[in-house]
PDB file of N, CA and C in Angstrom:
ATOM      1  N   UNK A   1      22.752-101.943  59.658  1.00  0.00           N
ATOM      2  CA  UNK A   1      21.379-102.955  60.329  1.00  0.00           C
ATOM      3  C   UNK A   1      20.753-101.506  60.498  1.00  0.00           C
ATOM      4  N   UNK A   2      19.299-101.248  60.174  1.00  0.00           N
ATOM      5  CA  UNK A   2      18.997-100.416  60.761  1.00  0.00           C
ATOM      6  C   UNK A   2      18.053-100.153  62.048  1.00  0.00           C
ATOM      7  N   UNK A   3      17.881 -99.468  63.026  1.00  0.00           N
ATOM      8  CA  UNK A   3      17.516 -99.657  64.087  1.00  0.00           C
ATOM      9  C   UNK A   3      18.450 -99.951  64.970  1.00  0.00           C
ATOM     10  N   UNK A   4      19.767 -99.935  64.650  1.00  0.00           N
ATOM     11  CA  UNK A   4      20.961-100.655  65.924  1.00  0.00           C
ATOM     12  C   UNK A   4      21.351 -98.897  66.382  1.00  0.00           C
ATOM     13  N   UNK A   5      20.995 -99.364  68.165  1.00  0.00           N
ATOM     14  CA  UNK A   5      21.553 -98.379  69.364  1.00  0.00           C
ATOM     15  C   UNK A   5      22.634 -98.606  70.070  1.00  0.00           C
ATOM     16  N   UNK A   6      23.590 -97.873  70.343  1.00  0.00           N
ATOM     17  CA  UNK A   6      24.896 -97.797  71.111  1.00  0.00           C
ATOM     18  C   UNK A   6      24.630 -96.520  72.416  1.00  0.00           C
ATOM     19  N   UNK A   7      24.842 -97.530  73.501  1.00  0.00           N
ATOM     20  CA  UNK A   7      25.185 -97.198  74.467  1.00  0.00           C
ATOM     21  C   UNK A   7      26.429 -97.766  75.312  1.00  0.00           C
ATOM     22  N   UNK A   8      26.976 -95.836  75.521  1.00  0.00           N
ATOM     23  CA  UNK A   8      28.847 -95.839  75.578  1.00  0.00           C
ATOM     24  C   UNK A   8      28.652 -96.546  76.981  1.00  0.00           C
ATOM     25  N   UNK A   9      29.728 -97.700  77.389  1.00  0.00           N
ATOM     26  CA  UNK A   9      29.855 -98.509  78.189  1.00  0.00           C
ATOM     27  C   UNK A   9      31.301 -97.693  79.431  1.00  0.00           C
ATOM     28  N   UNK A  10      32.416 -97.287  77.998  1.00  0.00           N
ATOM     29  CA  UNK A  10      33.329 -96.917  78.811  1.00  0.00           C
ATOM     30  C   UNK A  10      33.654 -96.224  77.978  1.00  0.00           C
ATOM     31  N   UNK A  11      34.684 -94.936  78.201  1.00  0.00           N
ATOM     32  CA  UNK A  11      35.357 -93.941  77.329  1.00  0.00           C
ATOM     33  C   UNK A  11      36.607 -93.386  77.799  1.00  0.00           C
ATOM     34  N   UNK A  12      38.086 -93.882  77.142  1.00  0.00           N
ATOM     35  CA  UNK A  12      39.221 -93.449  77.629  1.00  0.00           C
ATOM     36  C   UNK A  12      39.676 -92.208  76.543  1.00  0.00           C
ATOM     37  N   UNK A  13      40.741 -92.188  76.847  1.00  0.00           N
ATOM     38  CA  UNK A  13      41.369 -91.756  75.580  1.00  0.00           C
ATOM     39  C   UNK A  13      41.354 -91.648  73.774  1.00  0.00           C
ATOM     40  N   UNK A  14      41.413 -93.526  74.083  1.00  0.00           N
ATOM     41  CA  UNK A  14      42.030 -94.163  72.867  1.00  0.00           C
ATOM     42  C   UNK A  14      40.912 -95.117  72.614  1.00  0.00           C
ATOM     43  N   UNK A  15      39.850 -95.455  73.045  1.00  0.00           N
ATOM     44  CA  UNK A  15      39.778 -96.800  73.396  1.00  0.00           C
ATOM     45  C   UNK A  15      37.802 -96.082  73.484  1.00  0.00           C
ATOM     46  N   UNK A  16      36.720 -96.987  73.214  1.00  0.00           N
ATOM     47  CA  UNK A  16      35.289 -96.819  73.554  1.00  0.00           C
ATOM     48  C   UNK A  16      34.681 -98.305  73.768  1.00  0.00           C
ATOM     49  N   UNK A  17      33.844 -98.354  74.584  1.00  0.00           N
ATOM     50  CA  UNK A  17      32.935 -99.648  74.604  1.00  0.00           C
ATOM     51  C   UNK A  17      31.538 -98.827  74.745  1.00  0.00           C
ATOM     52  N   UNK A  18      31.147-100.020  73.935  1.00  0.00           N
ATOM     53  CA  UNK A  18      29.574 -99.195  73.407  1.00  0.00           C
ATOM     54  C   UNK A  18      28.785-101.228  73.546  1.00  0.00           C
ATOM     55  N   UNK A  19      27.520-101.026  74.499  1.00  0.00           N
ATOM     56  CA  UNK A  19      26.409-101.894  74.173  1.00  0.00           C
ATOM     57  C   UNK A  19      25.345-101.434  72.908  1.00  0.00           C
ATOM     58  N   UNK A  20      25.535-102.335  71.577  1.00  0.00           N
ATOM     59  CA  UNK A  20      24.579-102.426  70.987  1.00  0.00           C
ATOM     60  C   UNK A  20      23.518-103.227  71.008  1.00  0.00           C
ATOM     61  N   UNK A  21      22.158-102.455  70.822  1.00  0.00           N
ATOM     62  CA  UNK A  21      20.755-103.132  70.532  1.00  0.00           C
ATOM     63  C   UNK A  21      19.506-102.912  70.279  1.00  0.00           C
ATOM     64  N   UNK A  22      19.052-103.857  69.477  1.00  0.00           N
ATOM     65  CA  UNK A  22      18.396-103.558  68.193  1.00  0.00           C
ATOM     66  C   UNK A  22      16.777-104.099  69.360  1.00  0.00           C
ATOM     67  N   UNK A  23      16.443-102.201  69.319  1.00  0.00           N
ATOM     68  CA  UNK A  23      15.248-101.963  70.063  1.00  0.00           C
ATOM     69  C   UNK A  23      15.569-102.122  71.739  1.00  0.00           C
ATOM     70  N   UNK A  24      14.729-102.760  72.484  1.00  0.00           N
ATOM     71  CA  UNK A  24      14.721-103.038  73.789  1.00  0.00           C
ATOM     72  C   UNK A  24      15.910-104.507  73.553  1.00  0.00           C
ATOM     73  N   UNK A  25      15.811-105.070  72.859  1.00  0.00           N
ATOM     74  CA  UNK A  25      17.088-106.608  72.809  1.00  0.00           C
ATOM     75  C   UNK A  25      18.425-106.131  72.851  1.00  0.00           C
ATOM     76  N   UNK A  26      19.157-106.593  73.727  1.00  0.00           N
ATOM     77  CA  UNK A  26      20.874-106.246  73.747  1.00  0.00           C
ATOM     78  C   UNK A  26      21.004-107.136  72.751  1.00  0.00           C
ATOM     79  N   UNK A  27      22.310-106.968  71.685  1.00  0.00           N
ATOM     80  CA  UNK A  27      22.597-107.501  70.363  1.00  0.00           C
ATOM     81  C   UNK A  27      23.899-107.666  70.924  1.00  0.00           C
ATOM     82  N   UNK A  28      24.841-107.232  71.902  1.00  0.00           N
ATOM     83  CA  UNK A  28      26.081-107.542  71.981  1.00  0.00           C
ATOM     84  C   UNK A  28      26.751-106.636  72.214  1.00  0.00           C
ATOM     85  N   UNK A  29      27.945-105.804  71.977  1.00  0.00           N
ATOM     86  CA  UNK A  29      29.108-104.620  71.941  1.00  0.00           C
ATOM     87  C   UNK A  29      30.273-104.510  70.954  1.00  0.00           C
ATOM     88  N   UNK A  30      30.529-103.247  71.275  1.00  0.00           N
ATOM     89  CA  UNK A  30      32.051-102.912  70.536  1.00  0.00           C
ATOM     90  C   UNK A  30      32.776-102.671  71.316  1.00  0.00           C
ATOM     91  N   UNK A  31      34.145-103.474  71.021  1.00  0.00           N
ATOM     92  CA  UNK A  31      35.293-102.533  72.046  1.00  0.00           C
ATOM     93  C   UNK A  31      35.612-101.449  70.898  1.00  0.00           C
ATOM     94  N   UNK A  32      36.287-100.448  70.462  1.00  0.00           N
ATOM     95  CA  UNK A  32      37.184 -99.745  69.684  1.00  0.00           C
ATOM     96  C   UNK A  32      38.023 -99.048  70.212  1.00  0.00           C
ATOM     97  N   UNK A  33      39.611 -99.252  69.440  1.00  0.00           N
ATOM     98  CA  UNK A  33      40.679 -99.040  70.118  1.00  0.00           C
ATOM     99  C   UNK A  33      41.127 -98.187  69.069  1.00  0.00           C
ATOM    100  N   UNK A  34      41.758 -96.414  68.814  1.00  0.00           N
ATOM    101  CA  UNK A  34      42.068 -95.892  68.095  1.00  0.00           C
ATOM    102  C   UNK A  34      43.463 -96.181  68.183  1.00  0.00           C
ATOM    103  N   UNK A  35      44.019 -96.515  66.438  1.00  0.00           N
ATOM    104  CA  UNK A  35      45.573 -96.968  66.926  1.00  0.00           C
ATOM    105  C   UNK A  35      45.670 -95.167  66.108  1.00  0.00           C
ATOM    106  N   UNK A  36      47.315 -95.010  65.415  1.00  0.00           N
ATOM    107  CA  UNK A  36      47.760 -94.079  64.944  1.00  0.00           C
ATOM    108  C   UNK A  36      47.256 -93.587  63.140  1.00  0.00           C
ATOM    109  N   UNK A  37      46.282 -95.072  62.635  1.00  0.00           N
ATOM    110  CA  UNK A  37      46.703 -94.931  61.542  1.00  0.00           C
ATOM    111  C   UNK A  37      45.325 -95.846  61.624  1.00  0.00           C
ATOM    112  N   UNK A  38      44.683 -96.584  62.176  1.00  0.00           N
ATOM    113  CA  UNK A  38      44.080 -97.728  62.005  1.00  0.00           C
ATOM    114  C   UNK A  38      42.942 -97.732  62.705  1.00  0.00           C
ATOM    115  N   UNK A  39      41.589 -98.193  63.272  1.00  0.00           N
ATOM    116  CA  UNK A  39      40.943 -98.240  64.980  1.00  0.00           C
ATOM    117  C   UNK A  39      41.005 -99.635  64.352  1.00  0.00           C
ATOM    118  N   UNK A  40      41.175-100.438  66.063  1.00  0.00           N
ATOM    119  CA  UNK A  40      40.042-101.802  65.766  1.00  0.00           C
ATOM    120  C   UNK A  40      39.485-102.330  66.709  1.00  0.00           C
ATOM    121  N   UNK A  41      38.840-103.393  66.137  1.00  0.00           N
ATOM    122  CA  UNK A  41      37.176-103.380  66.491  1.00  0.00           C
ATOM    123  C   UNK A  41      36.644-104.597  67.650  1.00  0.00           C
ATOM    124  N   UNK A  42      36.229-105.053  67.970  1.00  0.00           N
ATOM    125  CA  UNK A  42      36.399-106.575  68.637  1.00  0.00           C
ATOM    126  C   UNK A  42      34.502-106.432  69.515  1.00  0.00           C
ATOM    127  N   UNK A  43      34.120-107.161  68.160  1.00  0.00           N
ATOM    128  CA  UNK A  43      32.868-107.224  67.818  1.00  0.00           C
ATOM    129  C   UNK A  43      31.864-108.606  68.598  1.00  0.00           C
ATOM    130  N   UNK A  44      31.390-108.637  69.570  1.00  0.00           N
ATOM    131  CA  UNK A  44      30.593-109.644  70.158  1.00  0.00           C
ATOM    132  C   UNK A  44      29.200-109.226  70.256  1.00  0.00           C
ATOM    133  N   UNK A  45      28.897-110.993  69.652  1.00  0.00           N
ATOM    134  CA  UNK A  45      27.226-110.508  69.054  1.00  0.00           C
ATOM    135  C   UNK A  45      27.072-111.904  70.417  1.00  0.00           C
ATOM    136  N   UNK A  46      25.994-111.581  70.966  1.00  0.00           N
ATOM    137  CA  UNK A  46      24.749-112.805  71.802  1.00  0.00           C
ATOM    138  C   UNK A  46      23.596-113.298  70.721  1.00  0.00           C
ATOM    139  N   UNK A  47      24.131-113.400  69.465  1.00  0.00           N
ATOM    140  CA  UNK A  47      22.885-113.985  68.609  1.00  0.00           C
ATOM    141  C   UNK A  47      23.909-114.612  67.395  1.00  0.00           C
ATOM    142  N   UNK A  48      23.130-115.630  66.614  1.00  0.00           N
ATOM    143  CA  UNK A  48      23.277-115.947  65.576  1.00  0.00           C
ATOM    144  C   UNK A  48      22.918-115.012  65.345  1.00  0.00           C
ATOM    145  N   UNK A  49      24.032-114.329  63.667  1.00  0.00           N
ATOM    146  CA  UNK A  49      24.027-113.674  63.021  1.00  0.00           C
ATOM    147  C   UNK A  49      24.682-113.458  61.578  1.00  0.00           C
ATOM    148  N   UNK A  50      24.309-113.876  60.257  1.00  0.00           N
ATOM    149  CA  UNK A  50      24.700-114.077  59.066  1.00  0.00           C
ATOM    150  C   UNK A  50      26.038-113.250  58.811  1.00  0.00           C
ATOM    151  N   UNK A  51      26.437-113.904  58.015  1.00  0.00           N
ATOM    152  CA  UNK A  51      27.722-112.618  57.020  1.00  0.00           C
ATOM    153  C   UNK A  51      27.600-111.269  56.413  1.00  0.00           C
ATOM    154  N   UNK A  52      26.386-111.740  56.127  1.00  0.00           N
ATOM    155  CA  UNK A  52      25.578-110.150  55.631  1.00  0.00           C
ATOM    156  C   UNK A  52      25.030-109.276  56.470  1.00  0.00           C
ATOM    157  N   UNK A  53      24.464-110.198  57.696  1.00  0.00           N
ATOM    158  CA  UNK A  53      24.080-109.182  58.840  1.00  0.00           C
ATOM    159  C   UNK A  53      25.585-108.605  59.721  1.00  0.00           C
ATOM    160  N   UNK A  54      26.614-109.595  59.945  1.00  0.00           N
ATOM    161  CA  UNK A  54      27.221-109.290  61.093  1.00  0.00           C
ATOM    162  C   UNK A  54      28.574-107.717  59.831  1.00  0.00           C
ATOM    163  N   UNK A  55      28.081-108.410  58.613  1.00  0.00           N
ATOM    164  CA  UNK A  55      28.971-106.804  57.291  1.00  0.00           C
ATOM    165  C   UNK A  55      28.051-105.576  58.002  1.00  0.00           C
ATOM    166  N   UNK A  56      26.524-105.617  58.046  1.00  0.00           N
ATOM    167  CA  UNK A  56      25.233-104.765  58.537  1.00  0.00           C
ATOM    168  C   UNK A  56      25.784-104.011  59.336  1.00  0.00           C
ATOM    169  N   UNK A  57      26.120-104.623  60.560  1.00  0.00           N
ATOM    170  CA  UNK A  57      26.462-104.236  61.578  1.00  0.00           C
ATOM    171  C   UNK A  57      27.770-103.336  61.631  1.00  0.00           C
ATOM    172  N   UNK A  58      28.714-104.170  60.878  1.00  0.00           N
ATOM    173  CA  UNK A  58      30.382-103.161  60.882  1.00  0.00           C
ATOM    174  C   UNK A  58      29.971-102.107  60.368  1.00  0.00           C
ATOM    175  N   UNK A  59      29.079-102.565  58.842  1.00  0.00           N
ATOM    176  CA  UNK A  59      29.080-100.860  58.528  1.00  0.00           C
ATOM    177  C   UNK A  59      28.052-100.154  58.920  1.00  0.00           C
ATOM    178  N   UNK A  60      27.415-100.205  60.264  1.00  0.00           N
ATOM    179  CA  UNK A  60      26.642 -99.072  61.211  1.00  0.00           C
ATOM    180  C   UNK A  60      28.055 -98.433  61.999  1.00  0.00           C
ATOM    181  N   UNK A  61      28.764 -99.873  62.685  1.00  0.00           N
ATOM    182  CA  UNK A  61      29.939 -98.973  63.804  1.00  0.00           C
ATOM    183  C   UNK A  61      30.622 -98.028  62.632  1.00  0.00           C
ATOM    184  N   UNK A  62      30.386 -98.372  61.460  1.00  0.00           N
ATOM    185  CA  UNK A  62      31.437 -97.449  61.371  1.00  0.00           C
ATOM    186  C   UNK A  62      31.276 -96.732  60.656  1.00  0.00           C
ATOM    187  N   UNK A  63      30.031 -95.879  60.139  1.00  0.00           N
ATOM    188  CA  UNK A  63      29.607 -94.595  59.960  1.00  0.00           C
ATOM    189  C   UNK A  63      29.019 -94.503  61.216  1.00  0.00           C
ATOM    190  N   UNK A  64      28.430 -94.834  62.163  1.00  0.00           N
ATOM    191  CA  UNK A  64      27.971 -94.237  63.412  1.00  0.00           C
ATOM    192  C   UNK A  64      28.671 -93.980  64.505  1.00  0.00           C
ATOM    193  N   UNK A  65      29.816 -94.828  64.618  1.00  0.00           N
ATOM    194  CA  UNK A  65      30.910 -94.410  65.695  1.00  0.00           C
ATOM    195  C   UNK A  65      32.111 -94.246  65.259  1.00  0.00           C
ATOM    196  N   UNK A  66      32.679 -95.145  64.353  1.00  0.00           N
ATOM    197  CA  UNK A  66      34.077 -94.867  64.071  1.00  0.00           C
ATOM    198  C   UNK A  66      34.097 -93.529  63.695  1.00  0.00           C
ATOM    199  N   UNK A  67      33.481 -93.091  62.117  1.00  0.00           N
ATOM    200  CA  UNK A  67      33.952 -91.871  61.602  1.00  0.00           C
ATOM    201  C   UNK A  67      33.380 -90.769  62.536  1.00  0.00           C
ATOM    202  N   UNK A  68      32.089 -91.205  63.098  1.00  0.00           N
ATOM    203  CA  UNK A  68      32.362 -89.812  63.874  1.00  0.00           C
ATOM    204  C   UNK A  68      32.369 -89.302  64.531  1.00  0.00           C
ATOM    205  N   UNK A  69      33.646 -90.001  65.422  1.00  0.00           N
ATOM    206  CA  UNK A  69      34.451 -89.702  66.380  1.00  0.00           C
ATOM    207  C   UNK A  69      35.722 -88.919  65.662  1.00  0.00           C
ATOM    208  N   UNK A  70      35.660 -88.511  64.278  1.00  0.00           N
ATOM    209  CA  UNK A  70      36.900 -87.121  64.114  1.00  0.00           C
ATOM    210  C   UNK A  70      38.564 -87.906  64.240  1.00  0.00           C
ATOM    211  N   UNK A  71      38.193 -89.214  64.354  1.00  0.00           N
ATOM    212  CA  UNK A  71      40.078 -89.535  64.526  1.00  0.00           C
ATOM    213  C   UNK A  71      40.246 -89.770  63.099  1.00  0.00           C
ATOM    214  N   UNK A  72      41.499 -89.905  62.647  1.00  0.00           N
ATOM    215  CA  UNK A  72      41.609 -90.416  61.040  1.00  0.00           C
ATOM    216  C   UNK A  72      42.429 -91.481  60.887  1.00  0.00           C
ATOM    217  N   UNK A  73      41.551 -92.503  60.287  1.00  0.00           N
ATOM    218  CA  UNK A  73      41.470 -93.753  60.190  1.00  0.00           C
ATOM    219  C   UNK A  73      41.967 -94.000  58.414  1.00  0.00           C
ATOM    220  N   UNK A  74      42.956 -95.160  58.381  1.00  0.00           N
ATOM    221  CA  UNK A  74      43.094 -95.700  57.217  1.00  0.00           C
ATOM    222  C   UNK A  74      42.867 -96.865  57.110  1.00  0.00           C
ATOM    223  N   UNK A  75      42.138 -97.841  57.969  1.00  0.00           N
ATOM    224  CA  UNK A  75      41.188 -99.076  57.651  1.00  0.00           C
ATOM    225  C   UNK A  75      40.455 -98.912  59.230  1.00  0.00           C
ATOM    226  N   UNK A  76      39.450 -99.824  59.508  1.00  0.00           N
ATOM    227  CA  UNK A  76      38.451-100.504  60.428  1.00  0.00           C
ATOM    228  C   UNK A  76      39.091-101.788  60.537  1.00  0.00           C
ATOM    229  N   UNK A  77      39.230-102.116  61.208  1.00  0.00           N
ATOM    230  CA  UNK A  77      40.317-104.168  61.418  1.00  0.00           C
ATOM    231  C   UNK A  77      38.775-104.683  62.550  1.00  0.00           C
ATOM    232  N   UNK A  78      37.999-106.200  62.117  1.00  0.00           N
ATOM    233  CA  UNK A  78      37.113-105.774  63.062  1.00  0.00           C
ATOM    234  C   UNK A  78      37.031-107.594  63.321  1.00  0.00           C
ATOM    235  N   UNK A  79      37.493-108.290  64.601  1.00  0.00           N
ATOM    236  CA  UNK A  79      37.274-108.967  65.068  1.00  0.00           C
ATOM    237  C   UNK A  79      36.041-109.583  65.835  1.00  0.00           C
ATOM    238  N   UNK A  80      35.536-110.199  64.994  1.00  0.00           N
ATOM    239  CA  UNK A  80      33.736-111.190  65.749  1.00  0.00           C
ATOM    240  C   UNK A  80      33.869-112.552  66.609  1.00  0.00           C
ATOM    241  N   UNK A  81      33.033-112.337  67.118  1.00  0.00           N
ATOM    242  CA  UNK A  81      33.098-113.064  68.174  1.00  0.00           C
ATOM    243  C   UNK A  81      30.921-113.683  67.981  1.00  0.00           C
ATOM    244  N   UNK A  82      30.734-114.414  68.405  1.00  0.00           N
ATOM    245  CA  UNK A  82      29.363-115.402  68.744  1.00  0.00           C
ATOM    246  C   UNK A  82      28.875-115.728  69.641  1.00  0.00           C
ATOM    247  N   UNK A  83      28.528-115.851  70.937  1.00  0.00           N
ATOM    248  CA  UNK A  83      28.444-116.301  72.070  1.00  0.00           C
ATOM    249  C   UNK A  83      26.993-115.287  72.713  1.00  0.00           C
ATOM    250  N   UNK A  84      27.194-115.582  74.301  1.00  0.00           N
ATOM    251  CA  UNK A  84      26.601-115.255  75.419  1.00  0.00           C
ATOM    252  C   UNK A  84      27.408-114.691  76.168  1.00  0.00           C
ATOM    253  N   UNK A  85      26.895-114.029  76.953  1.00  0.00           N
ATOM    254  CA  UNK A  85      27.358-113.463  78.396  1.00  0.00           C
ATOM    255  C   UNK A  85      27.591-113.928  79.553  1.00  0.00           C
ATOM    256  N   UNK A  86      28.318-114.326  79.372  1.00  0.00           N
ATOM    257  CA  UNK A  86      28.624-115.180  80.997  1.00  0.00           C
ATOM    258  C   UNK A  86      28.547-114.858  82.204  1.00  0.00           C
ATOM    259  N   UNK A  87      28.717-113.048  82.206  1.00  0.00           N
ATOM    260  CA  UNK A  87      28.594-112.488  83.324  1.00  0.00           C
ATOM    261  C   UNK A  87      29.737-111.407  83.778  1.00  0.00           C
ATOM    262  N   UNK A  88      29.469-110.955  84.759  1.00  0.00           N
ATOM    263  CA  UNK A  88      30.642-109.783  84.679  1.00  0.00           C
ATOM    264  C   UNK A  88      31.450-110.035  85.717  1.00  0.00           C
ATOM    265  N   UNK A  89      32.613-109.451  86.700  1.00  0.00           N
ATOM    266  CA  UNK A  89      33.067-109.271  87.457  1.00  0.00           C
ATOM    267  C   UNK A  89      34.748-108.675  87.802  1.00  0.00           C
ATOM    268  N   UNK A  90      34.618-108.416  89.075  1.00  0.00           N
ATOM    269  CA  UNK A  90      35.196-107.235  89.358  1.00  0.00           C
ATOM    270  C   UNK A  90      36.124-107.702  90.787  1.00  0.00           C
ATOM    271  N   UNK A  91      36.911-106.722  91.366  1.00  0.00           N
ATOM    272  CA  UNK A  91      37.594-106.938  92.502  1.00  0.00           C
ATOM    273  C   UNK A  91      36.373-107.231  93.762  1.00  0.00           C
ATOM    274  N   UNK A  92      35.491-106.504  93.961  1.00  0.00           N
ATOM    275  CA  UNK A  92      34.317-106.989  94.938  1.00  0.00           C
ATOM    276  C   UNK A  92      33.919-108.244  94.591  1.00  0.00           C
ATOM    277  N   UNK A  93      33.268-108.558  93.126  1.00  0.00           N
ATOM    278  CA  UNK A  93      32.688-110.229  93.526  1.00  0.00           C
ATOM    279  C   UNK A  93      33.308-111.128  93.924  1.00  0.00           C
ATOM    280  N   UNK A  94      35.085-110.695  93.330  1.00  0.00           N
ATOM    281  CA  UNK A  94      36.753-111.807  93.851  1.00  0.00           C
ATOM    282  C   UNK A  94      37.002-111.967  95.386  1.00  0.00           C
ATOM    283  N   UNK A  95      36.578-110.816  95.702  1.00  0.00           N
ATOM    284  CA  UNK A  95      36.687-110.621  97.284  1.00  0.00           C
ATOM    285  C   UNK A  95      35.401-111.161  98.021  1.00  0.00           C
ATOM    286  N   UNK A  96      34.849-111.387  97.596  1.00  0.00           N
ATOM    287  CA  UNK A  96      33.436-112.010  98.237  1.00  0.00           C
ATOM    288  C   UNK A  96      33.258-113.127  98.095  1.00  0.00           C
ATOM    289  N   UNK A  97      33.800-113.772  96.738  1.00  0.00           N
ATOM    290  CA  UNK A  97      33.685-115.095  96.194  1.00  0.00           C
ATOM    291  C   UNK A  97      35.263-115.826  97.305  1.00  0.00           C
ATOM    292  N   UNK A  98      35.964-115.310  97.438  1.00  0.00           N
ATOM    293  CA  UNK A  98      37.304-115.767  98.505  1.00  0.00           C
ATOM    294  C   UNK A  98      36.351-116.404  99.057  1.00  0.00           C
ATOM    295  N   UNK A  99      36.011-114.808 100.408  1.00  0.00           N
ATOM    296  CA  UNK A  99      35.618-115.354 101.540  1.00  0.00           C
ATOM    297  C   UNK A  99      34.654-116.409 101.584  1.00  0.00           C
ATOM    298  N   UNK A 100      33.707-116.649 100.895  1.00  0.00           N
ATOM    299  CA  UNK A 100      32.550-117.962 100.786  1.00  0.00           C
ATOM    300  C   UNK A 100      33.229-119.080 100.782  1.00  0.00           C
ATOM    301  N   UNK A 101      34.466-118.621  99.540  1.00  0.00           N
ATOM    302  CA  UNK A 101      35.220-120.635  99.716  1.00  0.00           C
ATOM    303  C   UNK A 101      36.119-120.683 100.532  1.00  0.00           C
ATOM    304  N   UNK A 102      36.814-119.897 101.542  1.00  0.00           N
ATOM    305  CA  UNK A 102      37.933-119.860 101.730  1.00  0.00           C
ATOM    306  C   UNK A 102      38.916-120.473 101.429  1.00  0.00           C
ATOM    307  N   UNK A 103      39.218-119.565  99.849  1.00  0.00           N
ATOM    308  CA  UNK A 103      39.760-119.420  99.040  1.00  0.00           C
ATOM    309  C   UNK A 103      40.422-120.469  98.388  1.00  0.00           C
ATOM    310  N   UNK A 104      39.290-121.636  99.096  1.00  0.00           N
ATOM    311  CA  UNK A 104      39.732-123.300  98.201  1.00  0.00           C
ATOM    312  C   UNK A 104      38.707-123.237  96.847  1.00  0.00           C
ATOM    313  N   UNK A 105      37.822-122.576  96.711  1.00  0.00           N
ATOM    314  CA  UNK A 105      36.718-122.014  95.284  1.00  0.00           C
ATOM    315  C   UNK A 105      35.433-123.038  95.654  1.00  0.00           C
ATOM    316  N   UNK A 106      35.647-123.787  96.993  1.00  0.00           N
ATOM    317  CA  UNK A 106      33.838-124.687  97.081  1.00  0.00           C
ATOM    318  C   UNK A 106      33.264-123.129  98.023  1.00  0.00           C
ATOM    319  N   UNK A 107      31.793-123.323  97.497  1.00  0.00           N
ATOM    320  CA  UNK A 107      31.292-122.329  98.559  1.00  0.00           C
ATOM    321  C   UNK A 107      30.994-123.265  99.857  1.00  0.00           C
ATOM    322  N   UNK A 108      31.137-122.387 101.083  1.00  0.00           N
ATOM    323  CA  UNK A 108      30.869-122.689 102.194  1.00  0.00           C
ATOM    324  C   UNK A 108      28.927-123.141 102.273  1.00  0.00           C
ATOM    325  N   UNK A 109      28.612-124.070 103.162  1.00  0.00           N
ATOM    326  CA  UNK A 109      26.999-124.041 103.809  1.00  0.00           C
ATOM    327  C   UNK A 109      26.422-122.877 104.684  1.00  0.00           C
TER     328      UNK A 109
END
């Protein structure tokens, strides 16, 4: 799919996470995990996309991110999910939430 851009969020020795954008609009994210012979991807799309569109996105990811990584691969295996971003959680958020709720899940007035 033409016009997609990728913004790296995380990189480790064997994996990468990218935000996928179509112009100014966020489309989703791809998590890539590089094994010895395969690359595994989890593609999360935040808007409905038909199968031809999904295949075009996967092809673009393969050409732009996987093949350019210069890591050998025999196969690119991708799980695709469509949904919405429900939030981002970390330890600081969880500590604050426990402090607000007294550990019972209900926010104190």
